[in-house]
C-alpha cells in the first residue's frame, strides 16, 4: 500500500519554473511527478499564471522569491496596488525614496482612495509592504541621484568584476531600452507641435513604443521591438506580422508592459542571442543590462531555461548617466528615421499634405527598421565606453554624427515645398521632440488611484483600425499582371538590369498568372 504523499509547499520561484515548463510543452502530469505535487496544484498555477508573474516581476530580490511561499495580500489591497505603482515609477525615474516619503505617500493614497478607518503608515507597515513585494531596499538616502558620479564608478567597477567572474566577452553583453516615437510628426517653420497630426480630418495616431537592443560591439543588433495600439492595424492588410522588419506587439495604449517584455525576452531575445553566439563560436551565455522601467520584470522572470542568458539591472541613480542606448544610440536611430521620412517625400515628388495623408504605420515600420540598420556599430560600441572602456573604437570613425544628421535634414528641407524656411533651431526641436518620451505609461496620482480601484479606460482595442483610414482599393489579377509586364519592359529598356532582378519579377509574374488561372477555373 503506497503511503500518503508528503505535503509540498512551493516557493514563488518554483511556481515560476513550473509556468515556464508548461509554456515549453511539459504536461501537468509530468510536472506533478517532478515537484511531488498534485495535478490540481499544477492546473491552479497555470490558471493564476499572470498573477504569479506580475507578483514576481514587482520583486526586487531573487533570494527572497526563492524563499517566499505565498502571495499574502495586504489588508488594504487597493492601497498596496497604488503604492507599488507609485514606487515603481519613482524608482524608474531615479527619484530618492525614503521611509518617511513612502509613509507620507501611503497616507495620501489611503484617503484619496476613500478607504474606511484610521491608517497609521508605521515602520511596521513599511516593513510588511517591503516583504510582500520582496523589495530589498527602500530607504535610499536623499542624494542627488541624477548626477552621482561616485555611484557610477562603483557600479562600473562591480560590473567589470562581474563580467570577469562570468568570463563574458563584449559580444555577450547586451543592452535594451524603450522609447516613445512620434512616427508621423513633421517640422514647422515656427514650432514643433508635439504629437499632433496637422492633416485636416485626421486624428493623432502617431505614437508607438520602440525598443532597441544590441550587444556591446554593435555587431549584433536585434530587430527593433515595436508596440502599437492595434493587434492588426488596417494598413497591415494581409501582411503577416511575422514577416515585418520589426518584432511587432500590440497594447491598447501602445506602451511596453510586463507581458510584452517577457514574451520578447523568451521568444525573441534568447533564441536570437543563442544563434548569434553559436555562429561566432562563443559559449551560449549572455547578460542583458536594463534600467528600472516598471515594464521590466524581475531577474527571476528574465532568465533562460538553463540560466545562461539572464538580465541584470542598473542602479536607479546611475541609469540615466551610463545606459548605453541613452548615450546617442536611440537619438541617432530617430534622426535617421526623420531624415529618411523627408527624403522619401522628396523622392516621391509629392506635396507634403499628400505624403502626410498616405503615410501609414506599415510604411513607418519599414523606415524605422532601415533607420536602425543605418546606426553604425561604432556608434553603439562608443556608447559603452563608460561601462566597458576596454572596447576600442575603430580608427577613422571619430566624427560628430549629430551635426551630420542636422545638416542632412537642413539640405533636404531646402527642397521640400512648404518647409524651405525652417530654421536650424526648429530642426533641432523636431529631431528631439520625443527624446524624453518614455516607453512605459507614466500615471498621474489620479490615474494610479483609478487603476488601484480596478477602473480601466474604455478605449477600444481596435482604436487604430478606426483611426488609420486607408482607402480600400481592389486590384484584379489582370491589372497586376499588366503592371509586371510593363515593369519588365521598362527595366529592360534601361540596359542596366541585372539577372537576379529579372528573375524576381518573372517569378512574381508567374505567381500572379497562377492566381488568375485558379480564379478563372473556380468560376
Protein backbone atom coordinates (compact mmCIF):
# COMPACT_ATOMS: atom_id res chain seq x y z
CA UNK A 1 0.00 0.00 0.00
CA UNK A 2 1.50 3.32 -1.03
CA UNK A 3 1.93 5.93 1.63
CA UNK A 4 0.26 9.30 1.65
CA UNK A 5 2.11 11.88 -0.44
CA UNK A 6 4.08 14.32 1.67
CA UNK A 7 2.68 17.84 1.53
CA UNK A 8 4.91 20.11 -0.56
CA UNK A 9 4.69 23.90 -0.32
CA UNK A 10 6.17 25.52 -3.42
CA UNK A 11 8.09 28.79 -3.40
CA UNK A 12 7.26 31.59 -5.81
CA UNK A 13 10.39 30.66 -7.76
CA UNK A 14 9.19 27.05 -8.04
CA UNK A 15 5.88 28.30 -9.43
CA UNK A 16 7.70 30.47 -11.98
CA UNK A 17 9.74 27.44 -13.07
CA UNK A 18 6.55 25.38 -13.48
CA UNK A 19 4.93 28.14 -15.56
CA UNK A 20 7.98 28.23 -17.83
CA UNK A 21 7.93 24.44 -18.25
CA UNK A 22 4.20 24.49 -19.03
CA UNK A 23 4.81 27.08 -21.73
CA UNK A 24 7.57 24.90 -23.15
CA UNK A 25 5.14 21.99 -23.52
CA UNK A 26 5.62 19.91 -20.38
CA UNK A 27 2.41 18.23 -19.20
CA UNK A 28 0.71 18.77 -15.84
CA UNK A 29 1.20 15.08 -15.08
CA UNK A 30 4.96 15.24 -15.70
CA UNK A 31 5.40 18.35 -13.56
CA UNK A 32 3.27 16.91 -10.74
CA UNK A 33 5.66 13.95 -10.52
CA UNK A 34 8.81 16.11 -10.74
CA UNK A 35 7.73 18.51 -7.97
CA UNK A 36 5.87 15.96 -5.84
CA UNK A 37 2.55 17.80 -6.03
CA UNK A 38 -0.93 17.03 -7.32
CA UNK A 39 -2.01 17.73 -10.89
CA UNK A 40 -4.70 20.03 -9.48
CA UNK A 41 -1.95 22.19 -7.98
CA UNK A 42 -0.22 22.43 -11.37
CA UNK A 43 -3.52 23.42 -13.02
CA UNK A 44 -4.08 26.09 -10.34
CA UNK A 45 -0.62 27.51 -11.09
CA UNK A 46 -1.46 27.61 -14.80
CA UNK A 47 -4.76 29.38 -14.00
CA UNK A 48 -3.00 32.00 -11.85
CA UNK A 49 -0.05 32.42 -14.21
CA UNK A 50 -0.38 36.16 -14.82
CA UNK A 51 -0.94 36.91 -11.14
CA UNK A 52 2.20 34.97 -10.17
CA UNK A 53 4.30 36.57 -12.91
CA UNK A 54 3.09 40.07 -12.02
CA UNK A 55 3.91 39.47 -8.36
CA UNK A 56 7.38 38.13 -9.18
CA UNK A 57 8.03 40.95 -11.64
CA UNK A 58 7.47 43.55 -8.95
CA UNK A 59 10.02 41.91 -6.67
CA UNK A 60 13.48 43.35 -6.09
CA UNK A 61 15.07 40.23 -4.66
CA UNK A 62 15.90 36.90 -6.26
CA UNK A 63 16.79 35.29 -2.94
CA UNK A 64 13.53 36.35 -1.25
CA UNK A 65 11.42 34.85 -4.03
CA UNK A 66 13.35 31.60 -3.69
CA UNK A 67 12.22 31.52 -0.02
CA UNK A 68 8.77 33.10 -0.20
CA UNK A 69 5.92 30.59 -0.46
CA UNK A 70 2.81 32.75 -0.57
CA UNK A 71 1.48 35.95 -2.07
CA UNK A 72 -0.22 37.07 1.11
CA UNK A 73 -2.40 40.09 0.30
CA UNK A 74 -2.45 43.30 2.27
CA UNK A 75 -5.37 44.28 4.48
CA UNK A 76 -5.59 47.32 2.20
CA UNK A 77 -5.24 45.81 -1.28
CA UNK A 78 -6.15 48.99 -3.17
CA UNK A 79 -3.59 50.98 -1.20
CA UNK A 80 -0.98 48.29 -1.85
CA UNK A 81 -1.60 48.43 -5.61
CA UNK A 82 -1.39 52.23 -5.64
CA UNK A 83 1.81 52.29 -3.61
CA UNK A 84 3.51 49.66 -5.75
CA UNK A 85 2.62 51.55 -8.95
CA UNK A 86 3.91 54.80 -7.46
CA UNK A 87 7.07 53.14 -6.10
CA UNK A 88 7.93 51.54 -9.46
CA UNK A 89 7.54 54.88 -11.26
CA UNK A 90 9.71 56.71 -8.74
CA UNK A 91 12.40 54.05 -8.98
CA UNK A 92 12.32 54.18 -12.81
CA UNK A 93 12.86 57.95 -12.69
CA UNK A 94 15.72 57.58 -10.21
CA UNK A 95 13.93 59.75 -7.65
CA UNK A 96 15.02 59.49 -3.99
CA UNK A 97 12.75 57.21 -1.93
CA UNK A 98 12.91 57.09 1.86
CA UNK A 99 10.77 55.63 4.62
CA UNK A 100 9.18 59.00 5.54
CA UNK A 101 8.46 59.76 1.85
CA UNK A 102 6.73 56.38 1.48
CA UNK A 103 4.72 56.89 4.67
CA UNK A 104 3.52 60.30 3.53
CA UNK A 105 2.55 58.99 0.08
CA UNK A 106 0.75 55.98 1.60
CA UNK A 107 -1.31 58.28 3.82
CA UNK A 108 -2.21 60.41 0.79
CA UNK A 109 -3.37 57.39 -1.23
CA UNK A 110 -5.32 55.94 1.74
CA UNK A 111 -7.56 58.99 1.98
CA UNK A 112 -7.64 59.63 -1.79
CA UNK A 113 -8.94 56.09 -2.30
CA UNK A 114 -11.73 56.83 0.17
CA UNK A 115 -10.81 53.93 2.43
CA UNK A 116 -12.57 53.50 5.80
CA UNK A 117 -10.99 53.66 9.23
CA UNK A 118 -7.76 55.06 10.55
CA UNK A 119 -4.45 54.31 8.89
CA UNK A 120 -1.06 54.59 10.51
CA UNK A 121 1.83 54.24 7.99
CA UNK A 122 4.16 52.98 10.70
CA UNK A 123 7.58 51.36 10.36
CA UNK A 124 5.81 48.01 10.77
CA UNK A 125 3.51 48.72 7.81
CA UNK A 126 6.50 49.73 5.67
CA UNK A 127 8.37 46.53 6.60
CA UNK A 128 5.37 44.37 5.67
CA UNK A 129 4.95 46.28 2.38
CA UNK A 130 8.60 45.57 1.52
CA UNK A 131 8.21 41.89 2.45
CA UNK A 132 5.03 41.42 0.41
CA UNK A 133 6.81 42.67 -2.71
CA UNK A 134 10.30 41.36 -1.90
CA UNK A 135 11.74 44.89 -2.01
CA UNK A 136 15.32 44.81 -0.80
CA UNK A 137 15.88 48.48 -0.15
CA UNK A 138 13.52 51.39 0.14
CA UNK A 139 15.49 53.72 2.39
CA UNK A 140 17.58 55.42 -0.29
CA UNK A 141 19.44 58.44 1.05
CA UNK A 142 18.37 61.85 -0.17
CA UNK A 143 21.27 62.35 -2.54
CA UNK A 144 21.43 63.94 -5.95
CA UNK A 145 20.55 60.75 -7.83
CA UNK A 146 20.75 62.12 -11.35
CA UNK A 147 24.37 63.11 -11.06
CA UNK A 148 26.05 60.62 -8.73
CA UNK A 149 29.45 60.08 -10.33
CA UNK A 150 30.62 58.07 -7.31
CA UNK A 151 27.73 55.65 -7.76
CA UNK A 152 28.60 55.38 -11.46
CA UNK A 153 32.18 54.45 -10.65
CA UNK A 154 31.08 51.91 -8.05
CA UNK A 155 28.66 50.24 -10.44
CA UNK A 156 31.13 50.15 -13.33
CA UNK A 157 33.82 48.57 -11.14
CA UNK A 158 31.36 45.99 -9.81
CA UNK A 159 30.05 45.23 -13.30
CA UNK A 160 33.55 44.72 -14.68
CA UNK A 161 34.30 42.34 -11.81
CA UNK A 162 31.05 40.54 -12.61
CA UNK A 163 31.82 40.02 -16.31
CA UNK A 164 35.31 38.85 -15.42
CA UNK A 165 33.90 36.27 -12.99
CA UNK A 166 31.33 35.17 -15.57
CA UNK A 167 34.01 35.15 -18.30
CA UNK A 168 31.86 37.26 -20.65
CA UNK A 169 33.15 38.92 -23.82
CA UNK A 170 31.70 42.22 -25.19
CA UNK A 171 29.83 40.11 -27.79
CA UNK A 172 27.89 38.52 -24.89
CA UNK A 173 26.87 41.77 -23.17
CA UNK A 174 23.62 43.41 -24.35
CA UNK A 175 21.51 46.43 -23.54
CA UNK A 176 17.87 47.13 -24.41
CA UNK A 177 15.86 50.29 -23.87
CA UNK A 178 12.43 51.57 -24.87
CA UNK A 179 11.37 54.99 -26.07
CA UNK A 180 8.26 56.59 -27.48
CA UNK A 181 8.34 57.66 -31.13
CA UNK A 182 6.03 60.15 -32.85
CA UNK A 183 6.21 58.45 -36.22
CA UNK A 184 4.07 60.98 -38.08
CA UNK A 185 5.45 64.29 -36.88
CA UNK A 186 6.93 66.85 -39.30
CA UNK A 187 8.86 70.09 -38.58
CA UNK A 188 7.26 73.51 -38.72
CA UNK A 189 8.58 76.91 -39.77
CA UNK A 190 7.68 78.31 -36.37
CA UNK A 191 7.43 75.49 -33.87
CA UNK A 192 7.05 71.78 -33.40
CA UNK A 193 3.62 70.69 -32.26
CA UNK A 194 4.34 67.64 -30.15
CA UNK A 195 2.39 64.56 -31.16
CA UNK A 196 -0.08 66.39 -33.40
CA UNK A 197 -1.26 65.48 -36.89
CA UNK A 198 -1.88 68.57 -38.96
CA UNK A 199 -3.83 66.93 -41.79
CA UNK A 200 -7.44 68.17 -41.58
CA UNK A 201 -9.94 65.49 -40.61
CA UNK A 202 -7.35 63.08 -39.20
CA UNK A 203 -6.89 62.26 -35.55
CA UNK A 204 -3.46 61.74 -33.98
CA UNK A 205 -2.30 58.15 -34.38
CA UNK A 206 1.35 58.96 -34.21
CA UNK A 207 2.84 57.46 -31.08
CA UNK A 208 4.33 53.98 -30.84
CA UNK A 209 6.87 52.45 -28.49
CA UNK A 210 10.11 51.11 -29.93
CA UNK A 211 12.85 49.17 -28.17
CA UNK A 212 16.44 48.95 -29.42
CA UNK A 213 18.66 46.06 -28.38
CA UNK A 214 22.28 45.36 -29.35
CA UNK A 215 25.44 43.92 -27.89
CA UNK A 216 28.41 45.99 -26.74
CA UNK A 217 30.31 45.56 -30.02
CA UNK A 218 27.34 46.84 -32.02
CA UNK A 219 27.78 43.88 -34.37
CA UNK A 220 24.60 42.13 -33.25
CA UNK A 221 21.56 44.36 -33.48
CA UNK A 222 18.28 42.58 -32.87
CA UNK A 223 15.23 43.56 -34.90
CA UNK A 224 13.51 46.54 -33.31
CA UNK A 225 10.67 45.66 -30.96
CA UNK A 226 7.65 47.87 -31.73
CA UNK A 227 4.45 48.21 -29.68
CA UNK A 228 1.45 49.71 -31.45
CA UNK A 229 -2.16 50.16 -30.40
CA UNK A 230 -3.88 47.70 -32.71
CA UNK A 231 -3.29 43.99 -33.00
CA UNK A 232 -3.81 44.22 -36.74
CA UNK A 233 -3.65 47.85 -37.98
CA UNK A 234 -5.64 48.49 -41.13
CA UNK A 235 -2.52 49.34 -43.11
CA UNK A 236 -1.13 45.85 -42.49
CA UNK A 237 -3.97 44.39 -44.60
CA UNK A 238 -2.89 40.84 -45.45
CA UNK A 239 0.67 41.31 -44.18
CA UNK A 240 1.64 38.65 -41.65
CA UNK A 241 3.19 40.37 -38.62
CA UNK A 242 5.85 37.62 -38.58
CA UNK A 243 7.10 38.93 -41.93
CA UNK A 244 7.53 42.53 -40.75
CA UNK A 245 11.05 44.02 -40.50
CA UNK A 246 10.39 44.57 -36.77
CA UNK A 247 9.04 42.43 -33.92
CA UNK A 248 5.52 43.83 -33.58
CA UNK A 249 3.32 43.66 -30.46
CA UNK A 250 0.11 45.44 -29.54
CA UNK A 251 -1.18 47.10 -26.38
CA UNK A 252 -4.16 49.44 -26.22
CA UNK A 253 -2.04 52.47 -25.30
CA UNK A 254 0.94 51.45 -27.46
CA UNK A 255 3.00 51.08 -24.28
CA UNK A 256 5.51 48.41 -23.37
CA UNK A 257 4.23 46.27 -20.50
CA UNK A 258 5.45 43.36 -18.38
CA UNK A 259 3.75 40.71 -20.51
CA UNK A 260 5.14 42.01 -23.81
CA UNK A 261 8.64 42.40 -22.43
CA UNK A 262 8.60 38.86 -21.10
CA UNK A 263 7.38 37.48 -24.44
CA UNK A 264 10.08 39.43 -26.25
CA UNK A 265 12.80 38.12 -23.91
CA UNK A 266 11.75 34.46 -24.13
CA UNK A 267 10.65 34.21 -27.76
CA UNK A 268 12.97 36.71 -29.50
CA UNK A 269 15.94 37.77 -27.41
CA UNK A 270 17.06 34.38 -26.07
CA UNK A 271 16.78 32.45 -29.40
CA UNK A 272 18.45 35.20 -31.45
CA UNK A 273 21.29 35.62 -28.96
CA UNK A 274 21.89 31.86 -28.90
CA UNK A 275 22.00 31.76 -32.70
CA UNK A 276 24.42 34.71 -32.90
CA UNK A 277 26.81 33.38 -30.26
CA UNK A 278 26.76 29.93 -31.87
CA UNK A 279 27.69 31.49 -35.21
CA UNK A 280 30.68 33.18 -33.53
CA UNK A 281 31.85 30.03 -31.79
CA UNK A 282 31.18 31.58 -28.37
CA UNK A 283 29.59 29.99 -25.32
CA UNK A 284 25.80 30.48 -25.39
CA UNK A 285 25.87 32.72 -22.36
CA UNK A 286 24.87 36.40 -22.19
CA UNK A 287 23.70 39.19 -19.91
CA UNK A 288 21.07 41.81 -20.76
CA UNK A 289 21.66 45.12 -18.97
CA UNK A 290 18.42 47.01 -18.21
CA UNK A 291 17.19 50.10 -16.41
CA UNK A 292 14.46 50.05 -13.77
CA UNK A 293 11.46 50.67 -16.01
CA UNK A 294 8.19 49.45 -14.44
CA UNK A 295 7.76 47.29 -17.55
CA UNK A 296 10.92 45.24 -16.91
CA UNK A 297 10.19 42.05 -14.94
CA UNK A 298 12.41 40.84 -12.14
CA UNK A 299 15.58 38.86 -12.91
CA UNK A 300 13.75 35.69 -11.83
CA UNK A 301 11.43 36.04 -14.81
CA UNK A 302 14.09 37.15 -17.30
CA UNK A 303 16.23 34.04 -17.38
CA UNK A 304 16.63 31.27 -19.96
CA UNK A 305 15.83 27.66 -19.04
CA UNK A 306 19.47 26.82 -18.44
CA UNK A 307 20.12 30.08 -16.61
CA UNK A 308 22.88 31.07 -19.05
CA UNK A 309 21.07 34.06 -20.58
CA UNK A 310 19.80 36.47 -17.97
CA UNK A 311 19.10 40.09 -17.06
CA UNK A 312 20.97 42.44 -14.74
CA UNK A 313 19.77 45.86 -13.61
CA UNK A 314 21.44 49.25 -13.49
CA UNK A 315 21.01 51.05 -10.15
CA UNK A 316 18.28 53.72 -10.41
CA UNK A 317 20.70 56.51 -9.58
CA UNK A 318 23.09 55.77 -12.45
CA UNK A 319 20.88 54.56 -15.32
CA UNK A 320 20.38 57.99 -16.88
CA UNK A 321 24.13 58.62 -16.86
CA UNK A 322 25.52 55.43 -18.37
CA UNK A 323 22.80 53.34 -20.01
CA UNK A 324 24.34 52.66 -23.46
CA UNK A 325 21.16 53.11 -25.51
CA UNK A 326 20.73 56.58 -23.98
CA UNK A 327 24.25 57.66 -24.98
CA UNK A 328 23.30 58.68 -28.52
CA UNK A 329 22.17 55.31 -29.95
CA UNK A 330 18.40 55.87 -29.81
CA UNK A 331 18.86 59.53 -30.79
CA UNK A 332 20.81 58.52 -33.91
CA UNK A 333 18.17 55.98 -34.91
CA UNK A 334 15.43 58.61 -34.59
CA UNK A 335 17.44 61.13 -36.61
CA UNK A 336 17.98 58.55 -39.34
CA UNK A 337 14.25 57.86 -39.41
CA UNK A 338 13.21 61.50 -39.65
CA UNK A 339 15.79 62.34 -42.30
CA UNK A 340 14.61 59.30 -44.25
CA UNK A 341 11.00 60.40 -43.93
CA UNK A 342 11.76 63.73 -45.56
CA UNK A 343 13.95 62.11 -48.21
CA UNK A 344 11.12 59.72 -49.16
CA UNK A 345 8.76 62.66 -49.57
CA UNK A 346 11.31 64.41 -51.78
CA UNK A 347 11.94 61.34 -53.96
CA UNK A 348 8.25 60.59 -54.42
CA UNK A 349 7.66 64.13 -55.62
CA UNK A 350 4.50 64.55 -53.56
CA UNK A 351 3.29 67.72 -51.99
CA UNK A 352 3.69 67.50 -48.22
CA UNK A 353 -0.03 67.18 -47.48
CA UNK A 354 -0.41 64.27 -49.90
CA UNK A 355 2.64 62.48 -48.49
CA UNK A 356 1.38 63.01 -44.96
CA UNK A 357 -2.04 61.53 -45.74
CA UNK A 358 -0.54 58.49 -47.47
CA UNK A 359 2.00 57.67 -44.76
CA UNK A 360 0.85 54.54 -42.86
CA UNK A 361 2.15 52.67 -39.86
CA UNK A 362 3.33 49.88 -42.18
CA UNK A 363 5.40 52.42 -44.16
CA UNK A 364 6.82 53.79 -40.91
CA UNK A 365 7.86 50.35 -39.66
CA UNK A 366 9.94 49.73 -42.76
CA UNK A 367 11.51 53.19 -42.46
CA UNK A 368 12.24 52.70 -38.75
CA UNK A 369 13.86 49.33 -39.44
CA UNK A 370 16.04 50.98 -42.10
CA UNK A 371 16.95 53.77 -39.67
CA UNK A 372 18.07 51.17 -37.10
CA UNK A 373 20.13 49.35 -39.74
CA UNK A 374 21.93 52.62 -40.51
CA UNK A 375 23.15 53.03 -36.92
CA UNK A 376 26.80 52.02 -37.16
CA UNK A 377 28.46 49.51 -34.80
CA UNK A 378 30.95 52.20 -33.76
CA UNK A 379 28.07 54.40 -32.53
CA UNK A 380 26.86 51.56 -30.31
CA UNK A 381 30.30 50.46 -29.05
CA UNK A 382 31.18 54.09 -28.25
CA UNK A 383 28.07 54.29 -26.05
CA UNK A 384 29.54 51.57 -23.79
CA UNK A 385 32.77 53.48 -23.08
CA UNK A 386 31.79 54.49 -19.55
CA UNK A 387 30.94 50.92 -18.58
CA UNK A 388 33.47 49.00 -20.70
CA UNK A 389 36.42 51.26 -21.51
CA UNK A 390 38.29 48.24 -22.90
CA UNK A 391 36.17 48.42 -26.06
CA UNK A 392 38.41 50.22 -28.54
CA UNK A 393 36.99 52.49 -31.20
CA UNK A 394 37.92 51.89 -34.78
CA UNK A 395 40.25 54.45 -36.25
CA UNK A 396 38.92 56.96 -38.69
CA UNK A 397 35.33 56.90 -37.42
CA UNK A 398 35.54 59.58 -34.76
CA UNK A 399 33.17 62.16 -36.25
CA UNK A 400 30.24 64.15 -34.96
CA UNK A 401 27.31 62.17 -36.35
CA UNK A 402 24.75 64.50 -34.79
CA UNK A 403 25.94 67.52 -36.79
CA UNK A 404 25.93 65.46 -40.00
CA UNK A 405 22.34 64.46 -39.36
CA UNK A 406 21.20 68.06 -38.79
CA UNK A 407 23.00 69.21 -41.93
CA UNK A 408 21.38 66.42 -43.93
CA UNK A 409 17.93 67.38 -42.72
CA UNK A 410 18.52 71.06 -43.46
CA UNK A 411 19.61 70.21 -47.02
CA UNK A 412 16.53 68.08 -47.64
CA UNK A 413 14.23 70.78 -46.26
CA UNK A 414 15.60 73.31 -48.74
CA UNK A 415 13.96 71.22 -51.47
CA UNK A 416 10.74 70.41 -49.59
CA UNK A 417 7.84 72.61 -50.60
CA UNK A 418 6.32 74.30 -47.57
CA UNK A 419 9.32 73.68 -45.31
CA UNK A 420 12.05 75.59 -47.15
CA UNK A 421 12.43 78.19 -44.41
CA UNK A 422 12.51 76.00 -41.32
CA UNK A 423 15.29 77.22 -39.03
CA UNK A 424 18.13 75.13 -37.63
CA UNK A 425 16.64 75.73 -34.18
CA UNK A 426 13.31 74.23 -35.22
CA UNK A 427 15.04 71.31 -36.91
CA UNK A 428 16.76 70.58 -33.60
CA UNK A 429 13.44 70.83 -31.75
CA UNK A 430 11.85 68.46 -34.24
CA UNK A 431 14.66 65.92 -34.01
CA UNK A 432 14.38 65.98 -30.20
CA UNK A 433 10.57 66.19 -29.99
CA UNK A 434 10.23 62.76 -28.36
CA UNK A 435 13.71 62.48 -26.80
CA UNK A 436 12.26 62.27 -23.29
CA UNK A 437 9.21 60.21 -24.25
CA UNK A 438 9.30 57.02 -22.15
CA UNK A 439 8.32 53.61 -23.44
CA UNK A 440 6.09 52.96 -20.45
CA UNK A 441 2.91 54.69 -19.33
CA UNK A 442 3.54 57.38 -16.72
CA UNK A 443 0.49 57.70 -14.49
CA UNK A 444 -0.68 60.73 -12.56
CA UNK A 445 -1.85 60.31 -8.98
CA UNK A 446 -5.48 60.27 -10.11
CA UNK A 447 -4.72 57.61 -12.73
CA UNK A 448 -2.89 55.49 -10.14
CA UNK A 449 -5.96 55.75 -7.91
CA UNK A 450 -8.34 54.72 -10.71
CA UNK A 451 -6.15 51.76 -11.61
CA UNK A 452 -5.84 50.67 -7.97
CA UNK A 453 -9.64 50.70 -7.78
CA UNK A 454 -9.87 48.49 -10.85
CA UNK A 455 -11.14 51.20 -13.18
CA UNK A 456 -9.86 50.97 -16.76
CA UNK A 457 -10.12 53.18 -19.82
CA UNK A 458 -12.98 52.40 -22.16
CA UNK A 459 -10.87 52.85 -25.28
CA UNK A 460 -11.28 50.23 -27.97
CA UNK A 461 -8.63 47.59 -28.60
CA UNK A 462 -9.03 48.34 -32.28
CA UNK A 463 -8.68 52.09 -31.88
CA UNK A 464 -6.05 52.29 -34.57
CA UNK A 465 -8.21 50.46 -37.10
CA UNK A 466 -10.89 53.09 -36.54
CA UNK A 467 -8.42 55.97 -36.97
CA UNK A 468 -5.96 54.94 -39.65
CA UNK A 469 -8.29 55.34 -42.60
CA UNK A 470 -6.70 53.77 -45.66
CA UNK A 471 -8.93 53.88 -48.77
CA UNK A 472 -9.81 50.38 -49.94
CA UNK A 473 -8.61 49.74 -53.48
CA UNK A 474 -9.35 46.44 -55.24
CA UNK A 475 -6.75 45.39 -57.80
CA UNK A 476 -7.61 42.42 -60.00
CA UNK A 477 -5.17 39.84 -61.33
CA UNK A 478 -5.25 41.18 -64.87
CA UNK A 479 -4.20 44.67 -63.77
CA UNK A 480 -1.40 43.32 -61.57
CA UNK A 481 -0.18 41.13 -64.43
CA UNK A 482 -0.09 44.11 -66.78
CA UNK A 483 1.98 46.09 -64.27
CA UNK A 484 4.59 43.35 -64.03
CA UNK A 485 4.78 43.18 -67.85
CA UNK A 486 5.24 46.95 -68.04
CA UNK A 487 7.88 46.89 -65.27
CA UNK A 488 9.87 44.21 -67.08
CA UNK A 489 9.71 46.20 -70.34
CA UNK A 490 10.80 49.40 -68.59
CA UNK A 491 13.75 47.87 -66.75
CA UNK A 492 14.99 46.03 -69.84
CA UNK A 493 14.93 49.32 -71.78
CA UNK A 494 17.21 50.89 -69.17
CA UNK A 495 20.01 48.49 -70.08
CA UNK A 496 21.35 48.19 -66.51
CA UNK A 497 19.07 45.44 -65.25
CA UNK A 498 20.91 42.50 -63.71
CA UNK A 499 19.75 38.89 -63.93
CA UNK A 500 18.54 38.45 -60.29
CA UNK A 501 16.18 41.44 -60.71
CA UNK A 502 14.71 39.95 -63.85
CA UNK A 503 14.23 36.57 -62.19
CA UNK A 504 12.43 38.09 -59.19
CA UNK A 505 9.94 39.97 -61.36
CA UNK A 506 9.38 36.96 -63.64
CA UNK A 507 8.71 34.81 -60.59
CA UNK A 508 6.19 37.41 -59.40
CA UNK A 509 4.56 37.39 -62.85
CA UNK A 510 4.27 33.58 -62.75
CA UNK A 511 2.67 33.72 -59.29
CA UNK A 512 0.06 36.23 -60.47
CA UNK A 513 -0.69 34.14 -63.56
CA UNK A 514 -1.28 31.07 -61.41
CA UNK A 515 -3.62 33.01 -59.15
CA UNK A 516 -5.50 34.24 -62.23
CA UNK A 517 -5.87 30.67 -63.57
CA UNK A 518 -7.14 29.39 -60.22
CA UNK A 519 -9.70 32.21 -60.05
CA UNK A 520 -10.90 31.56 -63.62
CA UNK A 521 -11.18 27.80 -63.06
CA UNK A 522 -13.27 28.27 -59.93
CA UNK A 523 -15.81 30.49 -61.71
